[in-house]
Amino acid sequence: MNSRSILIVEDESLIAMMLEDFVDSLGHVVAGTEDCVAGAIARTEAGGFDLVILDVHLRGESCWPVADLLADRGIPFLLATGGHTEPPPARHAQAPVLAKPFTLAGVEQAIDATA
């Protein structure tokens, strides 16, 4: 397993902390945590990570501007969702999905699938 630097974009602080613990337990490095679209865009523009766990809904906003920027930069991401009702835009229809509730095994499998 190769250690990866992972940015977590999640607006629920308890879920973000759980993801941080999972990422760390799996031998990866948490590059940071963002909780809103604007913060995630700024952090993406700054770079310095290999993968993003991206919550679909961030404080009432859609994650798609962040997903677009990540795709433009060639940075892989996982869409984290509790079962959003709208399908993703066609551009992101094939993005891997990490379904809530998260489990350590599920996070590991999703991260490994992006390698």
Protein backbone atom coordinates (compact mmCIF):
# COMPACT_ATOMS: atom_id res chain seq x y z
CA MET A 1 0.00 0.00 0.00
CA ASN A 2 1.26 3.46 -0.88
CA SER A 3 0.56 6.21 1.60
CA ARG A 4 -1.46 9.03 0.08
CA SER A 5 -2.13 12.58 1.13
CA ILE A 6 -5.90 13.04 1.39
CA LEU A 7 -7.96 16.22 1.67
CA ILE A 8 -11.30 15.78 3.43
CA VAL A 9 -14.15 18.09 2.39
CA GLU A 10 -17.00 17.52 4.85
CA ASP A 11 -19.27 20.01 6.60
CA GLU A 12 -20.24 17.79 9.55
CA SER A 13 -17.39 18.11 12.05
CA LEU A 14 -17.95 14.72 13.73
CA ILE A 15 -17.98 12.96 10.37
CA ALA A 16 -14.85 14.85 9.30
CA MET A 17 -13.07 13.77 12.50
CA MET A 18 -14.12 10.16 11.94
CA LEU A 19 -12.79 10.30 8.37
CA GLU A 20 -9.53 11.78 9.65
CA ASP A 21 -9.19 8.86 12.07
CA PHE A 22 -9.98 6.34 9.32
CA VAL A 23 -7.49 7.90 6.90
CA ASP A 24 -4.80 7.92 9.59
CA SER A 25 -5.58 4.34 10.65
CA LEU A 26 -5.19 3.21 7.06
CA GLY A 27 -1.67 4.65 6.89
CA HIS A 28 -2.47 7.72 4.83
CA VAL A 29 -1.87 11.38 5.68
CA VAL A 30 -4.68 13.89 6.22
CA ALA A 31 -3.70 16.91 4.11
CA GLY A 32 -6.40 19.02 5.73
CA THR A 33 -10.11 19.41 6.17
CA GLU A 34 -12.44 21.92 4.55
CA ASP A 35 -16.12 22.39 5.33
CA CYS A 36 -17.44 24.62 2.54
CA VAL A 37 -17.21 25.06 -1.22
CA ALA A 38 -15.14 28.26 -1.04
CA GLY A 39 -12.61 26.69 1.33
CA ALA A 40 -12.37 23.54 -0.78
CA ILE A 41 -11.78 25.57 -3.94
CA ALA A 42 -9.04 27.63 -2.26
CA ARG A 43 -7.39 24.49 -0.89
CA THR A 44 -7.60 22.78 -4.29
CA GLU A 45 -5.96 25.76 -5.94
CA ALA A 46 -3.16 25.57 -3.35
CA GLY A 47 -2.68 21.83 -4.04
CA GLY A 48 -0.46 19.52 -2.04
CA PHE A 49 -2.61 16.36 -1.85
CA ASP A 50 -3.23 13.22 -3.88
CA LEU A 51 -6.92 12.49 -3.33
CA VAL A 52 -10.06 14.18 -2.02
CA ILE A 53 -13.00 12.78 -0.10
CA LEU A 54 -15.69 15.22 -1.22
CA ASP A 55 -19.08 15.46 0.47
CA VAL A 56 -21.80 16.10 -2.11
CA HIS A 57 -23.70 18.63 0.03
CA LEU A 58 -21.69 21.32 1.81
CA ARG A 59 -23.59 23.77 3.98
CA GLY A 60 -26.49 23.85 1.56
CA GLU A 61 -24.27 24.11 -1.52
CA SER A 62 -23.53 21.52 -4.16
CA CYS A 63 -19.96 20.24 -4.42
CA TRP A 64 -19.90 20.35 -8.23
CA PRO A 65 -17.72 23.49 -8.59
CA VAL A 66 -15.11 21.72 -6.44
CA ALA A 67 -15.49 18.49 -8.43
CA ASP A 68 -15.06 20.45 -11.68
CA LEU A 69 -11.83 22.04 -10.44
CA LEU A 70 -10.48 18.71 -9.20
CA ALA A 71 -11.28 17.07 -12.54
CA ASP A 72 -9.65 19.96 -14.43
CA ARG A 73 -6.48 19.45 -12.37
CA GLY A 74 -6.53 15.67 -12.70
CA ILE A 75 -6.92 15.11 -8.95
CA PRO A 76 -8.95 12.00 -8.09
CA PHE A 77 -11.86 12.31 -5.69
CA LEU A 78 -14.50 10.22 -3.98
CA LEU A 79 -18.04 11.53 -3.73
CA ALA A 80 -19.22 11.08 -0.16
CA THR A 81 -22.98 10.92 0.12
CA GLY A 82 -25.78 9.75 2.32
CA GLY A 83 -27.89 9.14 -0.77
CA HIS A 84 -28.44 12.43 -2.56
CA THR A 85 -31.48 12.30 -4.78
CA GLU A 86 -30.16 14.11 -7.82
CA PRO A 87 -27.73 12.28 -10.09
CA PRO A 88 -24.34 13.94 -10.48
CA PRO A 89 -23.65 16.01 -13.59
CA ALA A 90 -22.69 13.86 -16.56
CA ARG A 91 -19.06 14.91 -16.19
CA HIS A 92 -18.91 13.24 -12.77
CA ALA A 93 -21.30 10.34 -13.32
CA GLN A 94 -18.43 7.83 -13.14
CA ALA A 95 -16.82 9.28 -10.00
CA PRO A 96 -16.43 6.67 -7.25
CA VAL A 97 -18.97 6.98 -4.45
CA LEU A 98 -18.30 6.53 -0.76
CA ALA A 99 -21.70 5.87 0.82
CA LYS A 100 -22.64 7.01 4.31
CA PRO A 101 -22.60 5.73 6.96
CA PHE A 102 -18.85 5.30 6.61
CA THR A 103 -16.99 2.24 7.80
CA LEU A 104 -13.26 1.74 7.99
CA ALA A 105 -13.48 -1.09 5.45
CA GLY A 106 -15.62 1.02 3.11
CA VAL A 107 -13.22 3.96 3.25
CA GLU A 108 -10.27 1.64 2.65
CA GLN A 109 -11.95 0.03 -0.34
CA ALA A 110 -12.92 3.39 -1.84
CA ILE A 111 -9.41 4.83 -1.43
CA ASP A 112 -7.84 1.69 -2.90
CA ALA A 113 -10.22 1.89 -5.88
CA THR A 114 -8.78 5.28 -6.86
CA ALA A 115 -5.17 4.04 -7.00
